[in-house]
PDB file of N, CA and C in Angstrom:
ATOM      1  N   MET A   1       5.771   2.479  12.662  1.00  0.00           N
ATOM      2  CA  MET A   1       5.847   2.945  11.292  1.00  0.00           C
ATOM      3  C   MET A   1       6.186   1.766  10.380  1.00  0.00           C
ATOM      4  N   ASN A   2       5.595   1.791   9.197  1.00  0.00           N
ATOM      5  CA  ASN A   2       5.866   0.772   8.191  1.00  0.00           C
ATOM      6  C   ASN A   2       6.965   1.258   7.262  1.00  0.00           C
ATOM      7  N   GLU A   3       7.879   0.366   6.921  1.00  0.00           N
ATOM      8  CA  GLU A   3       8.935   0.694   5.972  1.00  0.00           C
ATOM      9  C   GLU A   3       8.465   0.319   4.578  1.00  0.00           C
ATOM     10  N   ILE A   4       8.578   1.252   3.638  1.00  0.00           N
ATOM     11  CA  ILE A   4       8.248   1.007   2.233  1.00  0.00           C
ATOM     12  C   ILE A   4       9.565   0.823   1.498  1.00  0.00           C
ATOM     13  N   ARG A   5       9.751  -0.360   0.898  1.00  0.00           N
ATOM     14  CA  ARG A   5      11.006  -0.687   0.229  1.00  0.00           C
ATOM     15  C   ARG A   5      10.772  -0.950  -1.250  1.00  0.00           C
ATOM     16  N   CYS A   6      11.844  -0.798  -2.039  1.00  0.00           N
ATOM     17  CA  CYS A   6      11.801  -1.057  -3.470  1.00  0.00           C
ATOM     18  C   CYS A   6      11.515  -2.538  -3.698  1.00  0.00           C
ATOM     19  N   GLY A   7      10.669  -2.832  -4.669  1.00  0.00           N
ATOM     20  CA  GLY A   7      10.322  -4.198  -4.987  1.00  0.00           C
ATOM     21  C   GLY A   7      11.448  -4.980  -5.637  1.00  0.00           C
ATOM     22  N   SER A   8      12.429  -4.289  -6.225  1.00  0.00           N
ATOM     23  CA  SER A   8      13.538  -4.973  -6.893  1.00  0.00           C
ATOM     24  C   SER A   8      14.757  -5.130  -5.998  1.00  0.00           C
ATOM     25  N   CYS A   9      15.255  -4.021  -5.457  1.00  0.00           N
ATOM     26  CA  CYS A   9      16.526  -4.073  -4.723  1.00  0.00           C
ATOM     27  C   CYS A   9      16.364  -3.953  -3.213  1.00  0.00           C
ATOM     28  N   ARG A  10      15.146  -3.755  -2.728  1.00  0.00           N
ATOM     29  CA  ARG A  10      14.816  -3.663  -1.301  1.00  0.00           C
ATOM     30  C   ARG A  10      15.383  -2.421  -0.606  1.00  0.00           C
ATOM     31  N   LYS A  11      15.760  -1.394  -1.357  1.00  0.00           N
ATOM     32  CA  LYS A  11      16.232  -0.138  -0.763  1.00  0.00           C
ATOM     33  C   LYS A  11      15.056   0.544  -0.055  1.00  0.00           C
ATOM     34  N   LEU A  12      15.297   1.114   1.115  1.00  0.00           N
ATOM     35  CA  LEU A  12      14.271   1.836   1.856  1.00  0.00           C
ATOM     36  C   LEU A  12      13.892   3.098   1.086  1.00  0.00           C
ATOM     37  N   LEU A  13      12.604   3.212   0.731  1.00  0.00           N
ATOM     38  CA  LEU A  13      12.127   4.373  -0.011  1.00  0.00           C
ATOM     39  C   LEU A  13      11.508   5.411   0.918  1.00  0.00           C
ATOM     40  N   MET A  14      10.739   4.947   1.914  1.00  0.00           N
ATOM     41  CA  MET A  14      10.097   5.863   2.851  1.00  0.00           C
ATOM     42  C   MET A  14       9.568   5.093   4.045  1.00  0.00           C
ATOM     43  N   LYS A  15       9.229   5.818   5.095  1.00  0.00           N
ATOM     44  CA  LYS A  15       8.560   5.246   6.258  1.00  0.00           C
ATOM     45  C   LYS A  15       7.231   5.971   6.395  1.00  0.00           C
ATOM     46  N   ALA A  16       6.179   5.213   6.680  1.00  0.00           N
ATOM     47  CA  ALA A  16       4.857   5.811   6.794  1.00  0.00           C
ATOM     48  C   ALA A  16       4.057   5.092   7.872  1.00  0.00           C
ATOM     49  N   GLN A  17       3.190   5.835   8.517  1.00  0.00           N
ATOM     50  CA  GLN A  17       2.296   5.226   9.486  1.00  0.00           C
ATOM     51  C   GLN A  17       1.202   4.479   8.751  1.00  0.00           C
ATOM     52  N   GLN A  18       0.571   3.544   9.450  1.00  0.00           N
ATOM     53  CA  GLN A  18      -0.493   2.757   8.843  1.00  0.00           C
ATOM     54  C   GLN A  18      -1.631   3.686   8.423  1.00  0.00           C
ATOM     55  N   ASN A  19      -2.190   3.447   7.243  1.00  0.00           N
ATOM     56  CA  ASN A  19      -3.283   4.232   6.649  1.00  0.00           C
ATOM     57  C   ASN A  19      -2.880   5.656   6.304  1.00  0.00           C
ATOM     58  N   ALA A  20      -1.587   5.945   6.188  1.00  0.00           N
ATOM     59  CA  ALA A  20      -1.134   7.293   5.842  1.00  0.00           C
ATOM     60  C   ALA A  20      -1.308   7.572   4.357  1.00  0.00           C
ATOM     61  N   ILE A  21      -1.248   6.538   3.522  1.00  0.00           N
ATOM     62  CA  ILE A  21      -1.378   6.712   2.081  1.00  0.00           C
ATOM     63  C   ILE A  21      -2.857   6.646   1.717  1.00  0.00           C
ATOM     64  N   THR A  22      -3.365   7.735   1.147  1.00  0.00           N
ATOM     65  CA  THR A  22      -4.789   7.772   0.802  1.00  0.00           C
ATOM     66  C   THR A  22      -5.023   7.661  -0.694  1.00  0.00           C
ATOM     67  N   GLY A  23      -4.001   7.816  -1.484  1.00  0.00           N
ATOM     68  CA  GLY A  23      -4.123   7.707  -2.935  1.00  0.00           C
ATOM     69  C   GLY A  23      -2.960   6.919  -3.500  1.00  0.00           C
ATOM     70  N   THR A  24      -2.924   6.782  -4.812  1.00  0.00           N
ATOM     71  CA  THR A  24      -1.839   6.053  -5.460  1.00  0.00           C
ATOM     72  C   THR A  24      -0.586   6.917  -5.504  1.00  0.00           C
ATOM     73  N   ILE A  25       0.553   6.299  -5.174  1.00  0.00           N
ATOM     74  CA  ILE A  25       1.844   6.995  -5.177  1.00  0.00           C
ATOM     75  C   ILE A  25       2.810   6.212  -6.053  1.00  0.00           C
ATOM     76  N   GLU A  26       3.574   6.915  -6.857  1.00  0.00           N
ATOM     77  CA  GLU A  26       4.610   6.289  -7.680  1.00  0.00           C
ATOM     78  C   GLU A  26       5.959   6.847  -7.231  1.00  0.00           C
ATOM     79  N   ILE A  27       6.856   5.950  -6.818  1.00  0.00           N
ATOM     80  CA  ILE A  27       8.175   6.358  -6.336  1.00  0.00           C
ATOM     81  C   ILE A  27       9.236   5.669  -7.181  1.00  0.00           C
ATOM     82  N   LYS A  28      10.180   6.451  -7.698  1.00  0.00           N
ATOM     83  CA  LYS A  28      11.287   5.882  -8.469  1.00  0.00           C
ATOM     84  C   LYS A  28      12.467   5.645  -7.534  1.00  0.00           C
ATOM     85  N   CYS A  29      12.978   4.418  -7.527  1.00  0.00           N
ATOM     86  CA  CYS A  29      14.112   4.060  -6.684  1.00  0.00           C
ATOM     87  C   CYS A  29      15.368   4.740  -7.212  1.00  0.00           C
ATOM     88  N   THR A  30      16.105   5.375  -6.315  1.00  0.00           N
ATOM     89  CA  THR A  30      17.331   6.067  -6.721  1.00  0.00           C
ATOM     90  C   THR A  30      18.486   5.106  -6.942  1.00  0.00           C
ATOM     91  N   ARG A  31      18.377   3.895  -6.429  1.00  0.00           N
ATOM     92  CA  ARG A  31      19.453   2.921  -6.594  1.00  0.00           C
ATOM     93  C   ARG A  31      19.347   2.187  -7.929  1.00  0.00           C
ATOM     94  N   CYS A  32      18.163   1.587  -8.216  1.00  0.00           N
ATOM     95  CA  CYS A  32      18.047   0.739  -9.412  1.00  0.00           C
ATOM     96  C   CYS A  32      17.149   1.337 -10.501  1.00  0.00           C
ATOM     97  N   GLY A  33      16.403   2.408 -10.188  1.00  0.00           N
ATOM     98  CA  GLY A  33      15.571   3.068 -11.186  1.00  0.00           C
ATOM     99  C   GLY A  33      14.192   2.460 -11.391  1.00  0.00           C
ATOM    100  N   THR A  34      13.816   1.477 -10.577  1.00  0.00           N
ATOM    101  CA  THR A  34      12.503   0.847 -10.694  1.00  0.00           C
ATOM    102  C   THR A  34      11.409   1.804 -10.239  1.00  0.00           C
ATOM    103  N   LEU A  35      10.298   1.852 -10.993  1.00  0.00           N
ATOM    104  CA  LEU A  35       9.137   2.631 -10.574  1.00  0.00           C
ATOM    105  C   LEU A  35       8.268   1.747  -9.685  1.00  0.00           C
ATOM    106  N   ASN A  36       8.054   2.173  -8.451  1.00  0.00           N
ATOM    107  CA  ASN A  36       7.262   1.448  -7.476  1.00  0.00           C
ATOM    108  C   ASN A  36       5.923   2.142  -7.324  1.00  0.00           C
ATOM    109  N   ASN A  37       4.844   1.434  -7.585  1.00  0.00           N
ATOM    110  CA  ASN A  37       3.493   1.973  -7.447  1.00  0.00           C
ATOM    111  C   ASN A  37       2.906   1.503  -6.129  1.00  0.00           C
ATOM    112  N   LEU A  38       2.496   2.455  -5.299  1.00  0.00           N
ATOM    113  CA  LEU A  38       1.906   2.150  -4.003  1.00  0.00           C
ATOM    114  C   LEU A  38       0.466   2.609  -4.002  1.00  0.00           C
ATOM    115  N   ARG A  39      -0.388   1.813  -3.392  1.00  0.00           N
ATOM    116  CA  ARG A  39      -1.787   2.203  -3.249  1.00  0.00           C
ATOM    117  C   ARG A  39      -2.243   1.815  -1.862  1.00  0.00           C
ATOM    118  N   PRO A  40      -3.244   2.497  -1.329  1.00  0.00           N
ATOM    119  CA  PRO A  40      -3.703   2.182   0.024  1.00  0.00           C
ATOM    120  C   PRO A  40      -4.342   0.796   0.084  1.00  0.00           C
ATOM    121  N   VAL A  41      -4.230   0.173   1.236  1.00  0.00           N
ATOM    122  CA  VAL A  41      -4.844  -1.127   1.455  1.00  0.00           C
ATOM    123  C   VAL A  41      -6.298  -0.899   1.805  1.00  0.00           C
ATOM    124  N   GLU A  42      -7.174  -1.626   1.146  1.00  0.00           N
ATOM    125  CA  GLU A  42      -8.605  -1.501   1.430  1.00  0.00           C
ATOM    126  C   GLU A  42      -8.915  -2.165   2.764  1.00  0.00           C
ATOM    127  N   PRO A  43      -9.614  -1.466   3.649  1.00  0.00           N
ATOM    128  CA  PRO A  43      -9.974  -2.089   4.931  1.00  0.00           C
ATOM    129  C   PRO A  43     -11.037  -3.168   4.730  1.00  0.00           C
ATOM    130  N   PHE A  44     -11.008  -4.164   5.574  1.00  0.00           N
ATOM    131  CA  PHE A  44     -12.014  -5.207   5.511  1.00  0.00           C
ATOM    132  C   PHE A  44     -13.335  -4.664   6.033  1.00  0.00           C
ATOM    133  N   SER A  45     -14.402  -5.050   5.402  1.00  0.00           N
ATOM    134  CA  SER A  45     -15.725  -4.601   5.805  1.00  0.00           C
ATOM    135  C   SER A  45     -16.177  -5.392   7.031  1.00  0.00           C
ATOM    136  N   ASP A  46     -16.615  -4.681   8.061  1.00  0.00           N
ATOM    137  CA  ASP A  46     -17.127  -5.342   9.262  1.00  0.00           C
ATOM    138  C   ASP A  46     -18.603  -5.672   9.116  1.00  0.00           C
ATOM    139  N   ARG A  47     -19.208  -5.209   8.042  1.00  0.00           N
ATOM    140  CA  ARG A  47     -20.628  -5.415   7.820  1.00  0.00           C
ATOM    141  C   ARG A  47     -20.895  -6.841   7.357  1.00  0.00           C
ATOM    142  N   GLN A  48     -21.862  -7.477   7.941  1.00  0.00           N
ATOM    143  CA  GLN A  48     -22.220  -8.828   7.527  1.00  0.00           C
ATOM    144  C   GLN A  48     -23.259  -8.753   6.426  1.00  0.00           C
ATOM    145  N   GLU A  49     -23.209  -9.701   5.521  1.00  0.00           N
ATOM    146  CA  GLU A  49     -24.165  -9.744   4.418  1.00  0.00           C
ATOM    147  C   GLU A  49     -25.565 -10.099   4.936  1.00  0.00           C
ATOM    148  N   ARG A  50     -26.565  -9.553   4.281  1.00  0.00           N
ATOM    149  CA  ARG A  50     -27.950  -9.855   4.652  1.00  0.00           C
ATOM    150  C   ARG A  50     -28.329 -11.253   4.203  1.00  0.00           C
ATOM    151  N   LEU A  51     -29.102 -11.873   5.015  1.00  0.00           N
ATOM    152  CA  LEU A  51     -29.636 -13.171   4.630  1.00  0.00           C
ATOM    153  C   LEU A  51     -30.958 -12.953   3.914  1.00  0.00           C
ATOM    154  N   THR A  52     -31.143 -13.583   2.775  1.00  0.00           N
ATOM    155  CA  THR A  52     -32.393 -13.417   2.042  1.00  0.00           C
ATOM    156  C   THR A  52     -33.355 -14.523   2.423  1.00  0.00           C
ATOM    157  N   LYS A  53     -34.617 -14.157   2.556  1.00  0.00           N
ATOM    158  CA  LYS A  53     -35.633 -15.154   2.891  1.00  0.00           C
ATOM    159  C   LYS A  53     -36.115 -15.827   1.622  1.00  0.00           C
ATOM    160  N   ALA A  54     -36.214 -17.118   1.649  1.00  0.00           N
ATOM    161  CA  ALA A  54     -36.633 -17.873   0.467  1.00  0.00           C
ATOM    162  C   ALA A  54     -38.098 -18.204   0.509  1.00  0.00           C
TER     163      ALA A  54
END
């Protein structure tokens, strides 16, 4: 599980498995009041680009 921490004070906000977040999440830290915006990480494309013939 990945730990999600506040960007300002590093307080633990939540624990989540990899790829568990599918949309944007906004979490307010109860310690310092910072709004933390979380978004899913885009997976790398395994597809190779086409080569164009000249």
